[in-house]
Amino acid sequence: MKYFLLLLVISCFQNMSFAHSPHECYFDIKIEKQSCTVTAEFPWTLRNALLAFDPTLKNAQAPQAFEQAFEKYIRSHLILKDKEGKMLIFKGFRALESSGHSHQNEYVLEYEGGTIHQVTNTIMFEMSDKQSNYHSIMIDGTKRTFETYKGQDSFIIDNLSTNYTPYFIFGFVVIGIIGIVAYKYWPTAKKHAKTNVFEN
């Protein structure tokens, strides 16, 4: 009996240590020519968010009711827009077999359109003020990440892809030239200044 209790305690600690926070969601955004797919990972509290979004689900018996509520929830909480401000059309979703823990829910969300300018993500915000949604997206061969939370519910993809490296290099070059000139001519200028003082 004591060995069983010990095993149970160890299992609980393992689940606690490896489990994701119930206040975090993860989104991997892939942009293609004519479409966009988002691989989303939700905590088990997603069900509570759907119940809060559609209270009629409390009496629902068929799984289709939750699926329909989930589609409406995604449409209103994960909004992708192009540069003209037009919303990409949410085409649907498919569930994935969980590769992690049983309390996680993983889905592939499909959108129509291959150009994204702005992402607004307020998923699970109604459940906790500590909610954070983490996004990863491949831009110009580099994977970038961004977070949305209460007070910052959207981000602009163009801002993430801007490359400021040339500007930094130019700035350092200019500062270096000014430093060299100042170092080279400062003693001469100082000497001339002293000479003028004595001459006066």
C-alpha atoms as a PDB file:
ATOM      1  CA  MET A   1       0.000   0.000   0.000  1.00  0.00           C
ATOM      2  CA  LYS A   2       2.782   2.453   0.891  1.00  0.00           C
ATOM      3  CA  TYR A   3       4.485   1.791  -2.455  1.00  0.00           C
ATOM      4  CA  PHE A   4       1.239   2.592  -4.266  1.00  0.00           C
ATOM      5  CA  LEU A   5       0.888   5.886  -2.380  1.00  0.00           C
ATOM      6  CA  LEU A   6       4.504   6.759  -3.142  1.00  0.00           C
ATOM      7  CA  LEU A   7       3.953   6.045  -6.848  1.00  0.00           C
ATOM      8  CA  LEU A   8       0.804   8.186  -6.817  1.00  0.00           C
ATOM      9  CA  VAL A   9       2.634  11.130  -5.230  1.00  0.00           C
ATOM     10  CA  ILE A  10       5.487  10.859  -7.750  1.00  0.00           C
ATOM     11  CA  SER A  11       3.019  10.774 -10.637  1.00  0.00           C
ATOM     12  CA  CYS A  12       1.268  13.885  -9.359  1.00  0.00           C
ATOM     13  CA  PHE A  13       4.547  15.779  -9.103  1.00  0.00           C
ATOM     14  CA  GLN A  14       5.507  14.691 -12.607  1.00  0.00           C
ATOM     15  CA  ASN A  15       2.205  15.910 -14.039  1.00  0.00           C
ATOM     16  CA  MET A  16       2.579  19.224 -12.234  1.00  0.00           C
ATOM     17  CA  SER A  17       6.135  19.742 -13.419  1.00  0.00           C
ATOM     18  CA  PHE A  18       5.495  18.918 -17.092  1.00  0.00           C
ATOM     19  CA  ALA A  19       2.010  20.411 -17.449  1.00  0.00           C
ATOM     20  CA  HIS A  20       1.533  23.684 -19.252  1.00  0.00           C
ATOM     21  CA  SER A  21       0.026  26.578 -17.368  1.00  0.00           C
ATOM     22  CA  PRO A  22      -3.785  26.795 -17.686  1.00  0.00           C
ATOM     23  CA  HIS A  23      -3.263  30.473 -18.576  1.00  0.00           C
ATOM     24  CA  GLU A  24      -1.130  29.856 -21.672  1.00  0.00           C
ATOM     25  CA  CYS A  25      -1.965  28.990 -25.282  1.00  0.00           C
ATOM     26  CA  TYR A  26       0.463  28.391 -28.135  1.00  0.00           C
ATOM     27  CA  PHE A  27      -0.033  29.162 -31.825  1.00  0.00           C
ATOM     28  CA  ASP A  28       2.261  28.196 -34.696  1.00  0.00           C
ATOM     29  CA  ILE A  29       1.284  30.273 -37.750  1.00  0.00           C
ATOM     30  CA  LYS A  30       2.224  29.070 -41.231  1.00  0.00           C
ATOM     31  CA  ILE A  31       1.584  31.363 -44.188  1.00  0.00           C
ATOM     32  CA  GLU A  32       1.225  29.845 -47.645  1.00  0.00           C
ATOM     33  CA  LYS A  33       0.364  31.353 -51.034  1.00  0.00           C
ATOM     34  CA  GLN A  34      -3.410  31.073 -50.812  1.00  0.00           C
ATOM     35  CA  SER A  35      -3.997  29.915 -47.269  1.00  0.00           C
ATOM     36  CA  CYS A  36      -2.859  30.121 -43.688  1.00  0.00           C
ATOM     37  CA  THR A  37      -2.846  27.379 -41.079  1.00  0.00           C
ATOM     38  CA  VAL A  38      -2.523  27.832 -37.336  1.00  0.00           C
ATOM     39  CA  THR A  39      -1.543  24.904 -35.141  1.00  0.00           C
ATOM     40  CA  ALA A  40      -3.053  25.769 -31.773  1.00  0.00           C
ATOM     41  CA  GLU A  41      -2.487  24.205 -28.370  1.00  0.00           C
ATOM     42  CA  PHE A  42      -5.056  24.941 -25.673  1.00  0.00           C
ATOM     43  CA  PRO A  43      -5.160  23.946 -21.991  1.00  0.00           C
ATOM     44  CA  TRP A  44      -7.997  21.893 -20.529  1.00  0.00           C
ATOM     45  CA  THR A  45      -9.692  25.140 -19.421  1.00  0.00           C
ATOM     46  CA  LEU A  46     -10.779  25.684 -23.037  1.00  0.00           C
ATOM     47  CA  ARG A  47     -14.019  23.876 -22.185  1.00  0.00           C
ATOM     48  CA  ASN A  48     -14.730  26.429 -19.446  1.00  0.00           C
ATOM     49  CA  ALA A  49     -14.086  29.249 -21.908  1.00  0.00           C
ATOM     50  CA  LEU A  50     -16.593  27.750 -24.349  1.00  0.00           C
ATOM     51  CA  LEU A  51     -19.183  27.386 -21.587  1.00  0.00           C
ATOM     52  CA  ALA A  52     -18.688  31.033 -20.653  1.00  0.00           C
ATOM     53  CA  PHE A  53     -18.936  32.013 -24.331  1.00  0.00           C
ATOM     54  CA  ASP A  54     -22.100  29.951 -24.915  1.00  0.00           C
ATOM     55  CA  PRO A  55     -23.942  29.078 -21.669  1.00  0.00           C
ATOM     56  CA  THR A  56     -26.424  26.890 -23.601  1.00  0.00           C
ATOM     57  CA  LEU A  57     -23.655  24.266 -23.855  1.00  0.00           C
ATOM     58  CA  LYS A  58     -24.342  23.298 -20.231  1.00  0.00           C
ATOM     59  CA  ASN A  59     -27.389  21.376 -21.398  1.00  0.00           C
ATOM     60  CA  ALA A  60     -25.929  20.204 -24.708  1.00  0.00           C
ATOM     61  CA  GLN A  61     -25.705  16.459 -25.254  1.00  0.00           C
ATOM     62  CA  ALA A  62     -24.230  16.191 -28.765  1.00  0.00           C
ATOM     63  CA  PRO A  63     -20.524  16.843 -29.429  1.00  0.00           C
ATOM     64  CA  GLN A  64     -21.544  18.863 -32.501  1.00  0.00           C
ATOM     65  CA  ALA A  65     -22.804  21.618 -30.205  1.00  0.00           C
ATOM     66  CA  PHE A  66     -19.316  22.101 -28.761  1.00  0.00           C
ATOM     67  CA  GLU A  67     -17.774  22.004 -32.240  1.00  0.00           C
ATOM     68  CA  GLN A  68     -20.106  24.731 -33.487  1.00  0.00           C
ATOM     69  CA  ALA A  69     -19.434  26.842 -30.400  1.00  0.00           C
ATOM     70  CA  PHE A  70     -15.689  26.325 -30.888  1.00  0.00           C
ATOM     71  CA  GLU A  71     -15.894  27.586 -34.493  1.00  0.00           C
ATOM     72  CA  LYS A  72     -17.803  30.705 -33.409  1.00  0.00           C
ATOM     73  CA  TYR A  73     -15.340  31.254 -30.577  1.00  0.00           C
ATOM     74  CA  ILE A  74     -12.326  31.084 -32.905  1.00  0.00           C
ATOM     75  CA  ARG A  75     -13.944  33.437 -35.433  1.00  0.00           C
ATOM     76  CA  SER A  76     -14.520  36.082 -32.765  1.00  0.00           C
ATOM     77  CA  HIS A  77     -11.276  35.649 -30.786  1.00  0.00           C
ATOM     78  CA  LEU A  78      -8.535  34.864 -33.343  1.00  0.00           C
ATOM     79  CA  ILE A  79      -8.749  37.469 -36.115  1.00  0.00           C
ATOM     80  CA  LEU A  80      -6.257  37.641 -38.974  1.00  0.00           C
ATOM     81  CA  LYS A  81      -6.244  40.680 -41.278  1.00  0.00           C
ATOM     82  CA  ASP A  82      -4.398  41.562 -44.464  1.00  0.00           C
ATOM     83  CA  LYS A  83      -2.786  44.937 -45.269  1.00  0.00           C
ATOM     84  CA  GLU A  84      -6.125  46.357 -46.439  1.00  0.00           C
ATOM     85  CA  GLY A  85      -7.692  45.519 -43.077  1.00  0.00           C
ATOM     86  CA  LYS A  86      -9.778  42.710 -44.549  1.00  0.00           C
ATOM     87  CA  MET A  87     -10.356  39.733 -42.298  1.00  0.00           C
ATOM     88  CA  LEU A  88      -9.170  36.339 -43.501  1.00  0.00           C
ATOM     89  CA  ILE A  89     -12.012  33.831 -43.654  1.00  0.00           C
ATOM     90  CA  PHE A  90     -11.908  31.073 -41.048  1.00  0.00           C
ATOM     91  CA  LYS A  91     -12.594  27.895 -43.019  1.00  0.00           C
ATOM     92  CA  GLY A  92     -12.665  25.358 -40.191  1.00  0.00           C
ATOM     93  CA  PHE A  93     -10.575  23.174 -37.948  1.00  0.00           C
ATOM     94  CA  ARG A  94      -9.463  19.645 -37.349  1.00  0.00           C
ATOM     95  CA  ALA A  95      -8.419  18.060 -34.080  1.00  0.00           C
ATOM     96  CA  LEU A  96      -4.981  16.533 -33.627  1.00  0.00           C
ATOM     97  CA  GLU A  97      -4.026  13.630 -31.448  1.00  0.00           C
ATOM     98  CA  SER A  98      -2.434  15.076 -28.349  1.00  0.00           C
ATOM     99  CA  SER A  99       1.335  14.626 -28.450  1.00  0.00           C
ATOM    100  CA  GLY A 100       1.740  15.813 -24.887  1.00  0.00           C
ATOM    101  CA  HIS A 101      -0.694  15.451 -22.011  1.00  0.00           C
ATOM    102  CA  SER A 102      -4.332  14.447 -21.885  1.00  0.00           C
ATOM    103  CA  HIS A 103      -5.339  17.852 -20.508  1.00  0.00           C
ATOM    104  CA  GLN A 104      -4.153  19.612 -23.659  1.00  0.00           C
ATOM    105  CA  ASN A 105      -6.228  20.181 -26.792  1.00  0.00           C
ATOM    106  CA  GLU A 106      -4.493  20.597 -30.147  1.00  0.00           C
ATOM    107  CA  TYR A 107      -6.151  21.785 -33.347  1.00  0.00           C
ATOM    108  CA  VAL A 108      -5.216  22.943 -36.808  1.00  0.00           C
ATOM    109  CA  LEU A 109      -7.136  26.115 -37.703  1.00  0.00           C
ATOM    110  CA  GLU A 110      -7.480  26.891 -41.403  1.00  0.00           C
ATOM    111  CA  TYR A 111      -7.871  30.362 -42.912  1.00  0.00           C
ATOM    112  CA  GLU A 112      -8.372  31.470 -46.497  1.00  0.00           C
ATOM    113  CA  GLY A 113      -5.746  33.935 -47.748  1.00  0.00           C
ATOM    114  CA  GLY A 114      -1.967  33.946 -47.723  1.00  0.00           C
ATOM    115  CA  THR A 115      -1.212  37.523 -46.634  1.00  0.00           C
ATOM    116  CA  ILE A 116      -1.326  38.506 -42.973  1.00  0.00           C
ATOM    117  CA  HIS A 117      -0.654  41.992 -41.668  1.00  0.00           C
ATOM    118  CA  GLN A 118      -2.281  41.977 -38.223  1.00  0.00           C
ATOM    119  CA  VAL A 119      -3.130  39.256 -35.718  1.00  0.00           C
ATOM    120  CA  THR A 120      -5.603  39.830 -32.894  1.00  0.00           C
ATOM    121  CA  ASN A 121      -5.844  37.035 -30.346  1.00  0.00           C
ATOM    122  CA  THR A 122      -8.061  37.321 -27.259  1.00  0.00           C
ATOM    123  CA  ILE A 123      -8.561  33.585 -26.727  1.00  0.00           C
ATOM    124  CA  MET A 124      -9.122  32.695 -23.063  1.00  0.00           C
ATOM    125  CA  PHE A 125      -8.903  36.345 -21.988  1.00  0.00           C
ATOM    126  CA  GLU A 126     -12.309  36.048 -20.310  1.00  0.00           C
ATOM    127  CA  MET A 127     -10.986  33.264 -18.075  1.00  0.00           C
ATOM    128  CA  SER A 128      -8.037  35.023 -16.430  1.00  0.00           C
ATOM    129  CA  ASP A 129      -6.222  38.354 -16.342  1.00  0.00           C
ATOM    130  CA  LYS A 130      -2.992  36.321 -16.431  1.00  0.00           C
ATOM    131  CA  GLN A 131      -3.779  34.760 -19.804  1.00  0.00           C
ATOM    132  CA  SER A 132      -0.930  34.862 -22.343  1.00  0.00           C
ATOM    133  CA  ASN A 133      -1.054  33.661 -25.934  1.00  0.00           C
ATOM    134  CA  TYR A 134       2.280  32.876 -27.586  1.00  0.00           C
ATOM    135  CA  HIS A 135       2.683  32.954 -31.354  1.00  0.00           C
ATOM    136  CA  SER A 136       5.477  31.732 -33.595  1.00  0.00           C
ATOM    137  CA  ILE A 137       5.682  32.628 -37.264  1.00  0.00           C
ATOM    138  CA  MET A 138       8.303  32.163 -39.962  1.00  0.00           C
ATOM    139  CA  ILE A 139       9.273  35.463 -41.598  1.00  0.00           C
ATOM    140  CA  ASP A 140      11.994  35.675 -44.254  1.00  0.00           C
ATOM    141  CA  GLY A 141      13.468  32.374 -43.090  1.00  0.00           C
ATOM    142  CA  THR A 142      13.556  33.426 -39.438  1.00  0.00           C
ATOM    143  CA  LYS A 143      11.116  32.240 -36.784  1.00  0.00           C
ATOM    144  CA  ARG A 144       9.735  35.157 -34.774  1.00  0.00           C
ATOM    145  CA  THR A 145       7.612  35.034 -31.634  1.00  0.00           C
ATOM    146  CA  PHE A 146       5.049  37.393 -30.188  1.00  0.00           C
ATOM    147  CA  GLU A 147       2.764  37.441 -27.177  1.00  0.00           C
ATOM    148  CA  THR A 148      -0.742  38.790 -26.699  1.00  0.00           C
ATOM    149  CA  TYR A 149      -2.259  39.469 -23.300  1.00  0.00           C
ATOM    150  CA  LYS A 150      -4.783  41.808 -21.714  1.00  0.00           C
ATOM    151  CA  GLY A 151      -3.734  45.319 -22.655  1.00  0.00           C
ATOM    152  CA  GLN A 152      -1.880  44.061 -25.753  1.00  0.00           C
ATOM    153  CA  ASP A 153      -4.231  41.865 -27.732  1.00  0.00           C
ATOM    154  CA  SER A 154      -2.747  42.255 -31.228  1.00  0.00           C
ATOM    155  CA  PHE A 155       0.481  42.683 -33.174  1.00  0.00           C
ATOM    156  CA  ILE A 156       1.559  43.768 -36.650  1.00  0.00           C
ATOM    157  CA  ILE A 157       3.586  41.222 -38.598  1.00  0.00           C
ATOM    158  CA  ASP A 158       5.363  43.879 -40.696  1.00  0.00           C
ATOM    159  CA  ASN A 159       6.886  45.293 -37.519  1.00  0.00           C
ATOM    160  CA  LEU A 160       8.332  41.879 -36.698  1.00  0.00           C
ATOM    161  CA  SER A 161       9.912  41.430 -40.105  1.00  0.00           C
ATOM    162  CA  THR A 162      11.614  44.823 -40.251  1.00  0.00           C
ATOM    163  CA  ASN A 163      15.369  44.410 -40.352  1.00  0.00           C
ATOM    164  CA  TYR A 164      17.102  47.164 -38.412  1.00  0.00           C
ATOM    165  CA  THR A 165      20.616  45.725 -38.762  1.00  0.00           C
ATOM    166  CA  PRO A 166      21.758  48.120 -41.561  1.00  0.00           C
ATOM    167  CA  TYR A 167      20.656  51.103 -39.488  1.00  0.00           C
ATOM    168  CA  PHE A 168      22.590  49.889 -36.457  1.00  0.00           C
ATOM    169  CA  ILE A 169      25.689  49.294 -38.572  1.00  0.00           C
ATOM    170  CA  PHE A 170      25.416  52.758 -40.132  1.00  0.00           C
ATOM    171  CA  GLY A 171      25.007  54.326 -36.698  1.00  0.00           C
ATOM    172  CA  PHE A 172      28.071  52.565 -35.303  1.00  0.00           C
ATOM    173  CA  VAL A 173      30.137  53.594 -38.354  1.00  0.00           C
ATOM    174  CA  VAL A 174      29.150  57.259 -37.967  1.00  0.00           C
ATOM    175  CA  ILE A 175      29.910  57.214 -34.240  1.00  0.00           C
ATOM    176  CA  GLY A 176      33.248  55.548 -34.948  1.00  0.00           C
ATOM    177  CA  ILE A 177      34.227  58.188 -37.525  1.00  0.00           C
ATOM    178  CA  ILE A 178      33.276  61.005 -35.167  1.00  0.00           C
ATOM    179  CA  GLY A 179      35.295  59.366 -32.407  1.00  0.00           C
ATOM    180  CA  ILE A 180      38.390  58.998 -34.612  1.00  0.00           C
ATOM    181  CA  VAL A 181      38.175  62.589 -35.830  1.00  0.00           C
ATOM    182  CA  ALA A 182      37.710  63.896 -32.307  1.00  0.00           C
ATOM    183  CA  TYR A 183      40.611  61.814 -30.995  1.00  0.00           C
ATOM    184  CA  LYS A 184      42.925  62.920 -33.825  1.00  0.00           C
ATOM    185  CA  TYR A 185      42.157  66.632 -33.898  1.00  0.00           C
ATOM    186  CA  TRP A 186      41.203  67.369 -30.292  1.00  0.00           C
ATOM    187  CA  PRO A 187      44.820  67.781 -29.006  1.00  0.00           C
ATOM    188  CA  THR A 188      45.662  70.120 -31.928  1.00  0.00           C
ATOM    189  CA  ALA A 189      42.559  72.219 -31.356  1.00  0.00           C
ATOM    190  CA  LYS A 190      43.310  72.367 -27.646  1.00  0.00           C
ATOM    191  CA  LYS A 191      46.913  73.475 -28.338  1.00  0.00           C
ATOM    192  CA  HIS A 192      45.750  76.240 -30.674  1.00  0.00           C
ATOM    193  CA  ALA A 193      43.298  77.416 -28.087  1.00  0.00           C
ATOM    194  CA  LYS A 194      46.041  77.703 -25.444  1.00  0.00           C
ATOM    195  CA  THR A 195      48.284  79.577 -27.900  1.00  0.00           C
ATOM    196  CA  ASN A 196      45.549  82.096 -28.629  1.00  0.00           C
ATOM    197  CA  VAL A 197      45.018  82.683 -24.930  1.00  0.00           C
ATOM    198  CA  PHE A 198      48.698  83.445 -24.333  1.00  0.00           C
ATOM    199  CA  GLU A 199      48.891  85.669 -27.395  1.00  0.00           C
ATOM    200  CA  ASN A 200      45.964  87.693 -26.167  1.00  0.00           C
END
